[in-house]
């Protein structure tokens, strides 16, 4: 999402109005440029809105590899769509190629792209798995996200230290418990 000048001005005005509504003075020294800074931050953290996740997996290579490929510990930061509060964690992606592979950095780009929009962890996990499955058409894909949600840790029930784990299994991973176990073992290796 490339922010137009009109959109940035409108967003800046809305943030200024929010500051007033919570009882703050947006004209005090510490807040003078806050509405503009927040508008710019929103441009960055929501830059994936409207962008097809599959566009992150642009370059594939023909490769006859029959083992599992695991890319783990891909850090992500996103915003909970229910409260617009951050949640963050690590994504882990495993797949078994079916004649095509993709550059490993493309998985980090995919995670980055789906995290740059208001999200829920369950949908984010599904979007990553679907993109890999649709573009590479592997024998199977498994995606696990570990997340810490500030909407749960810092507000509401206030349970710091809690974590959420979501997993999507497609293709051969749906039926083969030994492959799932192999993926899980790869995640605990250093």
Protein backbone atom coordinates (compact mmCIF):
# COMPACT_ATOMS: atom_id res chain seq x y z
CA UNK A 1 0.00 0.00 0.00
CA UNK A 2 1.77 3.12 -1.16
CA UNK A 3 0.25 5.93 0.83
CA UNK A 4 -0.91 8.88 -1.24
CA UNK A 5 -0.44 12.39 0.11
CA UNK A 6 -4.23 12.72 0.54
CA UNK A 7 -4.45 9.46 2.46
CA UNK A 8 -1.50 10.38 4.67
CA UNK A 9 -3.00 13.80 5.44
CA UNK A 10 -6.39 12.22 6.25
CA UNK A 11 -4.81 9.56 8.43
CA UNK A 12 -2.69 12.16 10.23
CA UNK A 13 -5.84 14.20 10.96
CA UNK A 14 -7.65 11.11 12.28
CA UNK A 15 -4.77 10.23 14.61
CA UNK A 16 -4.75 13.81 15.85
CA UNK A 17 -8.49 13.49 16.54
CA UNK A 18 -7.92 10.23 18.44
CA UNK A 19 -5.34 11.93 20.64
CA UNK A 20 -7.90 14.63 21.45
CA UNK A 21 -10.61 12.04 22.14
CA UNK A 22 -8.45 10.23 24.71
CA UNK A 23 -7.88 13.53 26.49
CA UNK A 24 -4.42 14.34 25.17
CA UNK A 25 -3.22 17.61 23.72
CA UNK A 26 -1.81 16.89 20.23
CA UNK A 27 -0.19 20.35 20.28
CA UNK A 28 2.09 19.62 23.22
CA UNK A 29 5.78 19.21 22.40
CA UNK A 30 6.00 15.42 22.73
CA UNK A 31 2.98 14.83 20.47
CA UNK A 32 3.47 17.50 17.81
CA UNK A 33 4.73 15.14 15.11
CA UNK A 34 3.17 11.94 16.50
CA UNK A 35 0.17 11.88 14.11
CA UNK A 36 2.51 12.14 11.11
CA UNK A 37 4.90 9.50 12.52
CA UNK A 38 2.01 7.11 13.17
CA UNK A 39 0.66 7.65 9.63
CA UNK A 40 4.09 6.78 8.21
CA UNK A 41 4.33 3.74 10.49
CA UNK A 42 0.91 2.56 9.27
CA UNK A 43 2.15 2.87 5.70
CA UNK A 44 4.98 0.49 6.55
CA UNK A 45 3.22 -2.01 8.81
CA UNK A 46 0.16 -2.33 6.56
CA UNK A 47 2.02 -2.34 3.23
CA UNK A 48 0.81 -5.88 2.45
CA UNK A 49 -2.87 -4.89 2.30
CA UNK A 50 -4.21 -5.78 -1.14
CA UNK A 51 -1.03 -7.59 -2.24
CA UNK A 52 -1.35 -11.22 -3.33
CA UNK A 53 0.81 -13.42 -1.04
CA UNK A 54 1.77 -15.59 -4.02
CA UNK A 55 3.65 -12.62 -5.51
CA UNK A 56 6.39 -13.24 -2.92
CA UNK A 57 7.23 -16.60 -4.52
CA UNK A 58 8.23 -15.24 -7.90
CA UNK A 59 11.28 -17.22 -8.93
CA UNK A 60 11.11 -21.01 -8.95
CA UNK A 61 13.71 -23.48 -10.14
CA UNK A 62 13.34 -26.96 -11.58
CA UNK A 63 14.97 -29.28 -9.09
CA UNK A 64 14.53 -32.99 -8.44
CA UNK A 65 14.87 -33.06 -4.68
CA UNK A 66 12.84 -35.66 -2.79
CA UNK A 67 13.59 -34.71 0.81
CA UNK A 68 11.95 -32.17 3.05
CA UNK A 69 12.95 -28.51 2.94
CA UNK A 70 12.45 -26.67 6.24
CA UNK A 71 12.91 -22.94 6.70
CA UNK A 72 12.45 -22.09 10.36
CA UNK A 73 12.58 -19.21 12.78
CA UNK A 74 11.36 -16.56 10.35
CA UNK A 75 10.50 -13.67 12.67
CA UNK A 76 7.32 -11.74 12.00
CA UNK A 77 5.57 -8.70 13.47
CA UNK A 78 1.96 -7.93 12.64
CA UNK A 79 -1.17 -6.33 14.08
CA UNK A 80 -4.16 -8.17 15.51
CA UNK A 81 -7.15 -7.14 13.42
CA UNK A 82 -9.44 -7.20 16.47
CA UNK A 83 -7.55 -4.61 18.54
CA UNK A 84 -4.86 -3.20 16.20
CA UNK A 85 -2.30 -4.24 18.78
CA UNK A 86 0.88 -6.05 17.70
CA UNK A 87 1.48 -9.75 17.81
CA UNK A 88 4.77 -11.30 16.84
CA UNK A 89 6.60 -14.57 16.69
CA UNK A 90 8.27 -17.05 14.38
CA UNK A 91 7.08 -18.86 11.29
CA UNK A 92 8.31 -22.32 10.29
CA UNK A 93 7.69 -23.69 6.79
CA UNK A 94 8.34 -27.21 5.55
CA UNK A 95 7.61 -28.64 2.12
CA UNK A 96 8.43 -31.60 -0.06
CA UNK A 97 9.17 -30.39 -3.59
CA UNK A 98 7.54 -31.88 -6.63
CA UNK A 99 10.08 -30.86 -9.26
CA UNK A 100 10.31 -27.17 -8.27
CA UNK A 101 11.94 -25.22 -5.47
CA UNK A 102 12.03 -21.54 -4.66
CA UNK A 103 14.85 -19.38 -3.37
CA UNK A 104 14.87 -19.69 0.43
CA UNK A 105 14.70 -15.92 0.99
CA UNK A 106 11.32 -15.96 -0.77
CA UNK A 107 9.82 -17.70 2.26
CA UNK A 108 10.93 -14.80 4.47
CA UNK A 109 9.38 -12.41 1.94
CA UNK A 110 6.15 -14.39 1.98
CA UNK A 111 5.94 -14.26 5.78
CA UNK A 112 6.77 -10.55 5.69
CA UNK A 113 4.09 -9.86 3.09
CA UNK A 114 1.26 -11.66 4.90
CA UNK A 115 2.28 -10.01 8.18
CA UNK A 116 1.97 -6.51 6.71
CA UNK A 117 -1.81 -6.30 7.14
CA UNK A 118 -4.28 -6.56 9.98
CA UNK A 119 -4.19 -10.28 10.77
CA UNK A 120 -5.28 -13.20 12.85
CA UNK A 121 -2.69 -15.91 13.37
CA UNK A 122 -4.92 -18.66 12.01
CA UNK A 123 -5.47 -16.87 8.68
CA UNK A 124 -1.82 -15.92 8.43
CA UNK A 125 -0.81 -19.58 8.79
CA UNK A 126 -3.33 -20.60 6.14
CA UNK A 127 -2.25 -17.86 3.71
CA UNK A 128 1.38 -18.94 3.90
CA UNK A 129 0.51 -22.62 3.33
CA UNK A 130 -1.87 -21.81 0.47
CA UNK A 131 0.70 -19.63 -1.31
CA UNK A 132 3.39 -22.33 -1.12
CA UNK A 133 0.93 -25.01 -2.26
CA UNK A 134 -0.48 -22.94 -5.14
CA UNK A 135 2.82 -21.66 -6.53
CA UNK A 136 5.17 -24.61 -6.01
CA UNK A 137 2.57 -27.39 -6.15
CA UNK A 138 4.72 -29.50 -3.82
CA UNK A 139 3.85 -32.98 -2.62
CA UNK A 140 2.97 -31.31 0.67
CA UNK A 141 3.46 -28.27 2.87
CA UNK A 142 3.33 -27.71 6.62
CA UNK A 143 3.38 -24.29 8.27
CA UNK A 144 3.57 -23.56 11.99
CA UNK A 145 3.43 -20.12 13.57
CA UNK A 146 4.34 -19.41 17.19
CA UNK A 147 2.90 -16.10 18.34
CA UNK A 148 2.81 -13.77 21.30
CA UNK A 149 -0.28 -11.55 21.24
CA UNK A 150 -0.14 -8.26 23.12
CA UNK A 151 -3.95 -8.15 23.07
CA UNK A 152 -3.79 -11.13 25.43
CA UNK A 153 -0.58 -10.32 27.31
CA UNK A 154 -0.82 -6.55 27.86
CA UNK A 155 -4.60 -5.89 28.01
CA UNK A 156 -7.76 -7.80 28.75
CA UNK A 157 -6.85 -10.99 30.64
CA UNK A 158 -3.21 -9.82 30.91
CA UNK A 159 -1.47 -13.18 30.69
CA UNK A 160 2.17 -12.39 29.80
CA UNK A 161 4.20 -15.34 28.66
CA UNK A 162 1.28 -17.02 26.93
CA UNK A 163 1.86 -18.22 23.38
CA UNK A 164 -0.31 -19.37 20.51
CA UNK A 165 0.74 -22.09 18.05
CA UNK A 166 -1.11 -22.67 14.77
CA UNK A 167 -0.33 -25.34 12.17
CA UNK A 168 -1.65 -26.01 8.67
CA UNK A 169 -0.86 -29.30 6.90
CA UNK A 170 -1.60 -29.81 3.22
CA UNK A 171 -0.90 -32.55 0.74
CA UNK A 172 1.18 -35.47 1.97
CA UNK A 173 1.57 -33.87 5.43
CA UNK A 174 -2.16 -34.31 6.02
CA UNK A 175 -1.86 -38.11 6.16
CA UNK A 176 1.76 -38.92 7.02
CA UNK A 177 2.43 -38.65 10.75
CA UNK A 178 6.10 -39.55 10.29
CA UNK A 179 6.62 -36.51 8.03
CA UNK A 180 4.99 -34.27 10.60
CA UNK A 181 7.28 -35.74 13.25
CA UNK A 182 10.32 -35.13 11.01
CA UNK A 183 9.25 -31.50 10.58
CA UNK A 184 8.80 -31.08 14.33
CA UNK A 185 12.23 -32.60 14.99
CA UNK A 186 13.79 -30.17 12.52
CA UNK A 187 12.30 -27.30 14.52
CA UNK A 188 14.08 -28.32 17.73
CA UNK A 189 17.50 -28.80 16.13
CA UNK A 190 19.96 -25.93 16.43
